[in-house]
Amino acid sequence: MIRIFSHPIEVAGILTDLKLDDATIAAALLHDTIEDTDNPADRDRQPVRPDIGALVDGLTKLKKLDLVTKEAKQAEICASLLGDCR
């Protein structure tokens, strides 16, 4: 449950360090809300500016694309089984 809070905050911190705009940082804070909650996407977008909602929506759609290679998926499974040894 802690990851739900820490991951978006860490991402927003990185983007803040890179001096990105406020819409991008807000989208970083909200980027997992559509996937991690039972709320419909339309309800998630209502309290935010349209540009932020569009960024969050776009990130969600990107995550749905299968951009990871078979080898990368296998490496991720092995790392989770063995523990990250880096």
PDB file of N, CA and C in Angstrom:
ATOM      1  N   MET A   1       0.809  -1.197   0.000  1.00  0.00           N
ATOM      2  CA  MET A   1       0.000   0.000   0.000  1.00  0.00           C
ATOM      3  C   MET A   1       0.855   1.266   0.000  1.00  0.00           C
ATOM      4  N   ILE A   2       2.035   1.224   0.604  1.00  0.00           N
ATOM      5  CA  ILE A   2       2.904   2.394   0.666  1.00  0.00           C
ATOM      6  C   ILE A   2       3.328   2.826  -0.746  1.00  0.00           C
ATOM      7  N   ARG A   3       3.555   1.870  -1.660  1.00  0.00           N
ATOM      8  CA  ARG A   3       3.975   2.191  -3.022  1.00  0.00           C
ATOM      9  C   ARG A   3       2.969   3.103  -3.714  1.00  0.00           C
ATOM     10  N   ILE A   4       1.695   2.949  -3.392  1.00  0.00           N
ATOM     11  CA  ILE A   4       0.661   3.782  -3.999  1.00  0.00           C
ATOM     12  C   ILE A   4       0.967   5.257  -3.759  1.00  0.00           C
ATOM     13  N   PHE A   5       1.551   5.570  -2.615  1.00  0.00           N
ATOM     14  CA  PHE A   5       1.879   6.947  -2.291  1.00  0.00           C
ATOM     15  C   PHE A   5       3.311   7.299  -2.669  1.00  0.00           C
ATOM     16  N   SER A   6       4.252   6.421  -2.387  1.00  0.00           N
ATOM     17  CA  SER A   6       5.660   6.772  -2.573  1.00  0.00           C
ATOM     18  C   SER A   6       6.067   6.854  -4.042  1.00  0.00           C
ATOM     19  N   HIS A   7       5.571   5.966  -4.875  1.00  0.00           N
ATOM     20  CA  HIS A   7       5.982   5.970  -6.279  1.00  0.00           C
ATOM     21  C   HIS A   7       5.603   7.273  -6.987  1.00  0.00           C
ATOM     22  N   PRO A   8       4.344   7.718  -6.942  1.00  0.00           N
ATOM     23  CA  PRO A   8       4.020   8.981  -7.617  1.00  0.00           C
ATOM     24  C   PRO A   8       4.792  10.179  -7.056  1.00  0.00           C
ATOM     25  N   ILE A   9       5.043  10.175  -5.751  1.00  0.00           N
ATOM     26  CA  ILE A   9       5.786  11.279  -5.143  1.00  0.00           C
ATOM     27  C   ILE A   9       7.233  11.270  -5.619  1.00  0.00           C
ATOM     28  N   GLU A  10       7.818  10.075  -5.728  1.00  0.00           N
ATOM     29  CA  GLU A  10       9.187   9.970  -6.233  1.00  0.00           C
ATOM     30  C   GLU A  10       9.277  10.438  -7.680  1.00  0.00           C
ATOM     31  N   VAL A  11       8.316  10.027  -8.504  1.00  0.00           N
ATOM     32  CA  VAL A  11       8.299  10.450  -9.907  1.00  0.00           C
ATOM     33  C   VAL A  11       8.146  11.971  -9.998  1.00  0.00           C
ATOM     34  N   ALA A  12       7.225  12.524  -9.219  1.00  0.00           N
ATOM     35  CA  ALA A  12       7.028  13.978  -9.220  1.00  0.00           C
ATOM     36  C   ALA A  12       8.296  14.699  -8.767  1.00  0.00           C
ATOM     37  N   GLY A  13       8.999  14.133  -7.804  1.00  0.00           N
ATOM     38  CA  GLY A  13      10.259  14.725  -7.338  1.00  0.00           C
ATOM     39  C   GLY A  13      11.317  14.758  -8.427  1.00  0.00           C
ATOM     40  N   ILE A  14      11.416  13.678  -9.176  1.00  0.00           N
ATOM     41  CA  ILE A  14      12.375  13.624 -10.282  1.00  0.00           C
ATOM     42  C   ILE A  14      12.037  14.687 -11.326  1.00  0.00           C
ATOM     43  N   LEU A  15      10.758  14.784 -11.664  1.00  0.00           N
ATOM     44  CA  LEU A  15      10.342  15.761 -12.662  1.00  0.00           C
ATOM     45  C   LEU A  15      10.515  17.194 -12.160  1.00  0.00           C
ATOM     46  N   THR A  16      10.348  17.394 -10.852  1.00  0.00           N
ATOM     47  CA  THR A  16      10.593  18.714 -10.264  1.00  0.00           C
ATOM     48  C   THR A  16      12.067  19.069 -10.371  1.00  0.00           C
ATOM     49  N   ASP A  17      12.937  18.097 -10.065  1.00  0.00           N
ATOM     50  CA  ASP A  17      14.382  18.323 -10.195  1.00  0.00           C
ATOM     51  C   ASP A  17      14.774  18.665 -11.634  1.00  0.00           C
ATOM     52  N   LEU A  18      14.033  18.116 -12.588  1.00  0.00           N
ATOM     53  CA  LEU A  18      14.283  18.408 -13.998  1.00  0.00           C
ATOM     54  C   LEU A  18      13.644  19.723 -14.432  1.00  0.00           C
ATOM     55  N   LYS A  19      12.973  20.380 -13.482  1.00  0.00           N
ATOM     56  CA  LYS A  19      12.334  21.680 -13.702  1.00  0.00           C
ATOM     57  C   LYS A  19      11.261  21.640 -14.794  1.00  0.00           C
ATOM     58  N   LEU A  20      10.454  20.561 -14.776  1.00  0.00           N
ATOM     59  CA  LEU A  20       9.351  20.454 -15.719  1.00  0.00           C
ATOM     60  C   LEU A  20       8.162  21.268 -15.224  1.00  0.00           C
ATOM     61  N   ASP A  21       7.202  21.479 -16.107  1.00  0.00           N
ATOM     62  CA  ASP A  21       6.071  22.354 -15.791  1.00  0.00           C
ATOM     63  C   ASP A  21       5.118  21.723 -14.781  1.00  0.00           C
ATOM     64  N   ASP A  22       4.244  22.564 -14.236  1.00  0.00           N
ATOM     65  CA  ASP A  22       3.340  22.120 -13.174  1.00  0.00           C
ATOM     66  C   ASP A  22       2.353  21.060 -13.649  1.00  0.00           C
ATOM     67  N   ALA A  23       1.905  21.118 -14.896  1.00  0.00           N
ATOM     68  CA  ALA A  23       0.970  20.106 -15.410  1.00  0.00           C
ATOM     69  C   ALA A  23       1.627  18.733 -15.444  1.00  0.00           C
ATOM     70  N   THR A  24       2.890  18.677 -15.844  1.00  0.00           N
ATOM     71  CA  THR A  24       3.612  17.401 -15.901  1.00  0.00           C
ATOM     72  C   THR A  24       3.819  16.840 -14.500  1.00  0.00           C
ATOM     73  N   ILE A  25       4.145  17.693 -13.559  1.00  0.00           N
ATOM     74  CA  ILE A  25       4.358  17.243 -12.174  1.00  0.00           C
ATOM     75  C   ILE A  25       3.044  16.761 -11.564  1.00  0.00           C
ATOM     76  N   ALA A  26       1.958  17.480 -11.832  1.00  0.00           N
ATOM     77  CA  ALA A  26       0.646  17.043 -11.330  1.00  0.00           C
ATOM     78  C   ALA A  26       0.256  15.709 -11.949  1.00  0.00           C
ATOM     79  N   ALA A  27       0.527  15.534 -13.238  1.00  0.00           N
ATOM     80  CA  ALA A  27       0.229  14.260 -13.906  1.00  0.00           C
ATOM     81  C   ALA A  27       1.047  13.133 -13.290  1.00  0.00           C
ATOM     82  N   ALA A  28       2.286  13.429 -12.893  1.00  0.00           N
ATOM     83  CA  ALA A  28       3.115  12.417 -12.235  1.00  0.00           C
ATOM     84  C   ALA A  28       2.478  11.966 -10.929  1.00  0.00           C
ATOM     85  N   LEU A  29       1.912  12.911 -10.192  1.00  0.00           N
ATOM     86  CA  LEU A  29       1.254  12.559  -8.930  1.00  0.00           C
ATOM     87  C   LEU A  29      -0.008  11.724  -9.153  1.00  0.00           C
ATOM     88  N   LEU A  30      -0.666  11.912 -10.288  1.00  0.00           N
ATOM     89  CA  LEU A  30      -1.945  11.247 -10.557  1.00  0.00           C
ATOM     90  C   LEU A  30      -1.842  10.065 -11.513  1.00  0.00           C
ATOM     91  N   HIS A  31      -0.641   9.788 -12.050  1.00  0.00           N
ATOM     92  CA  HIS A  31      -0.544   8.869 -13.183  1.00  0.00           C
ATOM     93  C   HIS A  31      -1.007   7.440 -12.919  1.00  0.00           C
ATOM     94  N   ASP A  32      -1.041   6.997 -11.716  1.00  0.00           N
ATOM     95  CA  ASP A  32      -1.503   5.626 -11.432  1.00  0.00           C
ATOM     96  C   ASP A  32      -2.947   5.571 -10.945  1.00  0.00           C
ATOM     97  N   THR A  33      -3.615   6.693 -10.831  1.00  0.00           N
ATOM     98  CA  THR A  33      -4.946   6.688 -10.226  1.00  0.00           C
ATOM     99  C   THR A  33      -5.966   5.888 -11.025  1.00  0.00           C
ATOM    100  N   ILE A  34      -5.910   5.961 -12.337  1.00  0.00           N
ATOM    101  CA  ILE A  34      -6.885   5.230 -13.145  1.00  0.00           C
ATOM    102  C   ILE A  34      -6.694   3.727 -12.981  1.00  0.00           C
ATOM    103  N   GLU A  35      -5.440   3.288 -12.923  1.00  0.00           N
ATOM    104  CA  GLU A  35      -5.159   1.856 -12.796  1.00  0.00           C
ATOM    105  C   GLU A  35      -5.316   1.344 -11.373  1.00  0.00           C
ATOM    106  N   ASP A  36      -4.976   2.159 -10.394  1.00  0.00           N
ATOM    107  CA  ASP A  36      -4.915   1.691  -9.007  1.00  0.00           C
ATOM    108  C   ASP A  36      -6.202   1.906  -8.220  1.00  0.00           C
ATOM    109  N   THR A  37      -7.209   2.495  -8.828  1.00  0.00           N
ATOM    110  CA  THR A  37      -8.475   2.723  -8.124  1.00  0.00           C
ATOM    111  C   THR A  37      -9.624   2.156  -8.941  1.00  0.00           C
ATOM    112  N   ASP A  38     -10.754   2.048  -8.313  1.00  0.00           N
ATOM    113  CA  ASP A  38     -11.951   1.568  -8.994  1.00  0.00           C
ATOM    114  C   ASP A  38     -12.752   2.709  -9.612  1.00  0.00           C
ATOM    115  N   ASN A  39     -12.241   3.934  -9.497  1.00  0.00           N
ATOM    116  CA  ASN A  39     -12.956   5.093 -10.039  1.00  0.00           C
ATOM    117  C   ASN A  39     -12.904   5.092 -11.560  1.00  0.00           C
ATOM    118  N   PRO A  40     -14.010   5.420 -12.202  1.00  0.00           N
ATOM    119  CA  PRO A  40     -13.959   5.557 -13.660  1.00  0.00           C
ATOM    120  C   PRO A  40     -13.079   6.735 -14.061  1.00  0.00           C
ATOM    121  N   ALA A  41     -12.482   6.653 -15.218  1.00  0.00           N
ATOM    122  CA  ALA A  41     -11.545   7.680 -15.674  1.00  0.00           C
ATOM    123  C   ALA A  41     -12.189   9.061 -15.723  1.00  0.00           C
ATOM    124  N   ASP A  42     -13.421   9.158 -16.107  1.00  0.00           N
ATOM    125  CA  ASP A  42     -14.067  10.465 -16.195  1.00  0.00           C
ATOM    126  C   ASP A  42     -14.142  11.146 -14.837  1.00  0.00           C
ATOM    127  N   ARG A  43     -14.394  10.384 -13.792  1.00  0.00           N
ATOM    128  CA  ARG A  43     -14.472  10.978 -12.457  1.00  0.00           C
ATOM    129  C   ARG A  43     -13.096  11.428 -11.987  1.00  0.00           C
ATOM    130  N   ASP A  44     -12.048  10.698 -12.379  1.00  0.00           N
ATOM    131  CA  ASP A  44     -10.687  11.080 -12.001  1.00  0.00           C
ATOM    132  C   ASP A  44     -10.273  12.395 -12.652  1.00  0.00           C
ATOM    133  N   ARG A  45     -10.758  12.663 -13.855  1.00  0.00           N
ATOM    134  CA  ARG A  45     -10.335  13.858 -14.579  1.00  0.00           C
ATOM    135  C   ARG A  45     -11.085  15.109 -14.135  1.00  0.00           C
ATOM    136  N   GLN A  46     -12.218  14.997 -13.509  1.00  0.00           N
ATOM    137  CA  GLN A  46     -13.023  16.171 -13.174  1.00  0.00           C
ATOM    138  C   GLN A  46     -12.311  17.201 -12.298  1.00  0.00           C
ATOM    139  N   PRO A  47     -11.598  16.794 -11.238  1.00  0.00           N
ATOM    140  CA  PRO A  47     -11.023  17.814 -10.364  1.00  0.00           C
ATOM    141  C   PRO A  47      -9.754  18.464 -10.905  1.00  0.00           C
ATOM    142  N   VAL A  48      -9.228  17.987 -12.025  1.00  0.00           N
ATOM    143  CA  VAL A  48      -7.968  18.535 -12.529  1.00  0.00           C
ATOM    144  C   VAL A  48      -8.197  19.332 -13.802  1.00  0.00           C
ATOM    145  N   ARG A  49      -7.202  20.112 -14.147  1.00  0.00           N
ATOM    146  CA  ARG A  49      -7.262  20.877 -15.390  1.00  0.00           C
ATOM    147  C   ARG A  49      -7.278  19.911 -16.574  1.00  0.00           C
ATOM    148  N   PRO A  50      -7.879  20.318 -17.679  1.00  0.00           N
ATOM    149  CA  PRO A  50      -7.960  19.442 -18.856  1.00  0.00           C
ATOM    150  C   PRO A  50      -6.593  18.981 -19.366  1.00  0.00           C
ATOM    151  N   ASP A  51      -5.582  19.857 -19.293  1.00  0.00           N
ATOM    152  CA  ASP A  51      -4.259  19.457 -19.772  1.00  0.00           C
ATOM    153  C   ASP A  51      -3.655  18.364 -18.893  1.00  0.00           C
ATOM    154  N   ILE A  52      -3.900  18.443 -17.594  1.00  0.00           N
ATOM    155  CA  ILE A  52      -3.394  17.406 -16.686  1.00  0.00           C
ATOM    156  C   ILE A  52      -4.153  16.101 -16.919  1.00  0.00           C
ATOM    157  N   GLY A  53      -5.469  16.190 -17.053  1.00  0.00           N
ATOM    158  CA  GLY A  53      -6.263  14.999 -17.337  1.00  0.00           C
ATOM    159  C   GLY A  53      -5.822  14.322 -18.621  1.00  0.00           C
ATOM    160  N   ALA A  54      -5.500  15.108 -19.644  1.00  0.00           N
ATOM    161  CA  ALA A  54      -5.041  14.542 -20.917  1.00  0.00           C
ATOM    162  C   ALA A  54      -3.692  13.840 -20.757  1.00  0.00           C
ATOM    163  N   LEU A  55      -2.797  14.417 -19.955  1.00  0.00           N
ATOM    164  CA  LEU A  55      -1.503  13.771 -19.707  1.00  0.00           C
ATOM    165  C   LEU A  55      -1.677  12.445 -18.975  1.00  0.00           C
ATOM    166  N   VAL A  56      -2.512  12.442 -17.943  1.00  0.00           N
ATOM    167  CA  VAL A  56      -2.769  11.212 -17.182  1.00  0.00           C
ATOM    168  C   VAL A  56      -3.396  10.160 -18.085  1.00  0.00           C
ATOM    169  N   ASP A  57      -4.355  10.576 -18.894  1.00  0.00           N
ATOM    170  CA  ASP A  57      -5.024   9.666 -19.820  1.00  0.00           C
ATOM    171  C   ASP A  57      -4.020   9.084 -20.810  1.00  0.00           C
ATOM    172  N   GLY A  58      -3.149   9.929 -21.345  1.00  0.00           N
ATOM    173  CA  GLY A  58      -2.132   9.469 -22.291  1.00  0.00           C
ATOM    174  C   GLY A  58      -1.159   8.493 -21.671  1.00  0.00           C
ATOM    175  N   LEU A  59      -0.743   8.767 -20.434  1.00  0.00           N
ATOM    176  CA  LEU A  59       0.165   7.843 -19.743  1.00  0.00           C
ATOM    177  C   LEU A  59      -0.499   6.494 -19.516  1.00  0.00           C
ATOM    178  N   THR A  60      -1.767   6.514 -19.179  1.00  0.00           N
ATOM    179  CA  THR A  60      -2.500   5.271 -18.960  1.00  0.00           C
ATOM    180  C   THR A  60      -2.580   4.469 -20.247  1.00  0.00           C
ATOM    181  N   LYS A  61      -2.833   5.138 -21.357  1.00  0.00           N
ATOM    182  CA  LYS A  61      -2.903   4.446 -22.645  1.00  0.00           C
ATOM    183  C   LYS A  61      -1.537   3.894 -23.044  1.00  0.00           C
ATOM    184  N   LEU A  62      -0.468   4.640 -22.772  1.00  0.00           N
ATOM    185  CA  LEU A  62       0.876   4.150 -23.081  1.00  0.00           C
ATOM    186  C   LEU A  62       1.204   2.880 -22.304  1.00  0.00           C
ATOM    187  N   LYS A  63       0.785   2.839 -21.045  1.00  0.00           N
ATOM    188  CA  LYS A  63       1.063   1.663 -20.217  1.00  0.00           C
ATOM    189  C   LYS A  63       0.360   0.424 -20.739  1.00  0.00           C
ATOM    190  N   LYS A  64      -0.741   0.613 -21.451  1.00  0.00           N
ATOM    191  CA  LYS A  64      -1.489  -0.526 -21.971  1.00  0.00           C
ATOM    192  C   LYS A  64      -0.841  -1.130 -23.217  1.00  0.00           C
ATOM    193  N   LEU A  65       0.047  -0.374 -23.862  1.00  0.00           N
ATOM    194  CA  LEU A  65       0.741  -0.897 -25.033  1.00  0.00           C
ATOM    195  C   LEU A  65       1.762  -1.931 -24.583  1.00  0.00           C
ATOM    196  N   ASP A  66       1.942  -2.938 -25.377  1.00  0.00           N
ATOM    197  CA  ASP A  66       2.923  -3.978 -25.043  1.00  0.00           C
ATOM    198  C   ASP A  66       4.264  -3.593 -25.640  1.00  0.00           C
ATOM    199  N   LEU A  67       5.007  -2.757 -24.910  1.00  0.00           N
ATOM    200  CA  LEU A  67       6.278  -2.259 -25.398  1.00  0.00           C
ATOM    201  C   LEU A  67       7.475  -3.028 -24.839  1.00  0.00           C
ATOM    202  N   VAL A  68       7.226  -3.963 -23.963  1.00  0.00           N
ATOM    203  CA  VAL A  68       8.304  -4.693 -23.319  1.00  0.00           C
ATOM    204  C   VAL A  68       8.581  -5.973 -24.098  1.00  0.00           C
ATOM    205  N   THR A  69       9.850  -6.233 -24.358  1.00  0.00           N
ATOM    206  CA  THR A  69      10.225  -7.434 -25.091  1.00  0.00           C
ATOM    207  C   THR A  69      10.051  -8.673 -24.217  1.00  0.00           C
ATOM    208  N   LYS A  70      10.006  -9.809 -24.869  1.00  0.00           N
ATOM    209  CA  LYS A  70       9.877 -11.076 -24.141  1.00  0.00           C
ATOM    210  C   LYS A  70      11.048 -11.258 -23.181  1.00  0.00           C
ATOM    211  N   GLU A  71      12.246 -10.899 -23.632  1.00  0.00           N
ATOM    212  CA  GLU A  71      13.439 -11.050 -22.794  1.00  0.00           C
ATOM    213  C   GLU A  71      13.374 -10.143 -21.564  1.00  0.00           C
ATOM    214  N   ALA A  72      12.869  -8.932 -21.742  1.00  0.00           N
ATOM    215  CA  ALA A  72      12.758  -8.011 -20.613  1.00  0.00           C
ATOM    216  C   ALA A  72      11.744  -8.525 -19.602  1.00  0.00           C
ATOM    217  N   LYS A  73      10.653  -9.097 -20.090  1.00  0.00           N
ATOM    218  CA  LYS A  73       9.656  -9.671 -19.184  1.00  0.00           C
ATOM    219  C   LYS A  73      10.253 -10.835 -18.400  1.00  0.00           C
ATOM    220  N   GLN A  74      11.015 -11.691 -19.093  1.00  0.00           N
ATOM    221  CA  GLN A  74      11.650 -12.822 -18.421  1.00  0.00           C
ATOM    222  C   GLN A  74      12.650 -12.347 -17.378  1.00  0.00           C
ATOM    223  N   ALA A  75      13.415 -11.311 -17.703  1.00  0.00           N
ATOM    224  CA  ALA A  75      14.380 -10.768 -16.748  1.00  0.00           C
ATOM    225  C   ALA A  75      13.665 -10.193 -15.526  1.00  0.00           C
ATOM    226  N   GLU A  76      12.536  -9.548 -15.752  1.00  0.00           N
ATOM    227  CA  GLU A  76      11.771  -8.988 -14.643  1.00  0.00           C
ATOM    228  C   GLU A  76      11.242 -10.093 -13.730  1.00  0.00           C
ATOM    229  N   ILE A  77      10.767 -11.189 -14.324  1.00  0.00           N
ATOM    230  CA  ILE A  77      10.280 -12.323 -13.534  1.00  0.00           C
ATOM    231  C   ILE A  77      11.415 -12.928 -12.724  1.00  0.00           C
ATOM    232  N   CYS A  78      12.568 -13.130 -13.359  1.00  0.00           N
ATOM    233  CA  CYS A  78      13.719 -13.699 -12.658  1.00  0.00           C
ATOM    234  C   CYS A  78      14.144 -12.799 -11.504  1.00  0.00           C
ATOM    235  N   ALA A  79      14.181 -11.496 -11.754  1.00  0.00           N
ATOM    236  CA  ALA A  79      14.592 -10.553 -10.704  1.00  0.00           C
ATOM    237  C   ALA A  79      13.620 -10.597  -9.534  1.00  0.00           C
ATOM    238  N   SER A  80      12.325 -10.737  -9.832  1.00  0.00           N
ATOM    239  CA  SER A  80      11.352 -10.774  -8.727  1.00  0.00           C
ATOM    240  C   SER A  80      11.437 -12.075  -7.953  1.00  0.00           C
ATOM    241  N   LEU A  81      11.782 -13.160  -8.637  1.00  0.00           N
ATOM    242  CA  LEU A  81      11.918 -14.450  -7.963  1.00  0.00           C
ATOM    243  C   LEU A  81      13.189 -14.513  -7.117  1.00  0.00           C
ATOM    244  N   LEU A  82      14.267 -13.953  -7.639  1.00  0.00           N
ATOM    245  CA  LEU A  82      15.559 -14.039  -6.958  1.00  0.00           C
ATOM    246  C   LEU A  82      15.856 -12.851  -6.063  1.00  0.00           C
ATOM    247  N   GLY A  83      15.080 -11.821  -6.193  1.00  0.00           N
ATOM    248  CA  GLY A  83      15.390 -10.581  -5.495  1.00  0.00           C
ATOM    249  C   GLY A  83      16.317  -9.780  -6.384  1.00  0.00           C
ATOM    250  N   ASP A  84      16.182  -8.495  -6.360  1.00  0.00           N
ATOM    251  CA  ASP A  84      17.008  -7.654  -7.223  1.00  0.00           C
ATOM    252  C   ASP A  84      18.421  -7.679  -6.689  1.00  0.00           C
ATOM    253  N   CYS A  85      19.354  -8.177  -7.477  1.00  0.00           N
ATOM    254  CA  CYS A  85      20.745  -8.365  -7.047  1.00  0.00           C
ATOM    255  C   CYS A  85      21.662  -7.217  -7.458  1.00  0.00           C
ATOM    256  N   ARG A  86      21.105  -6.124  -7.981  1.00  0.00           N
ATOM    257  CA  ARG A  86      21.960  -5.017  -8.426  1.00  0.00           C
ATOM    258  C   ARG A  86      22.674  -4.369  -7.299  1.00  0.00           C
TER     259      ARG A  86
END
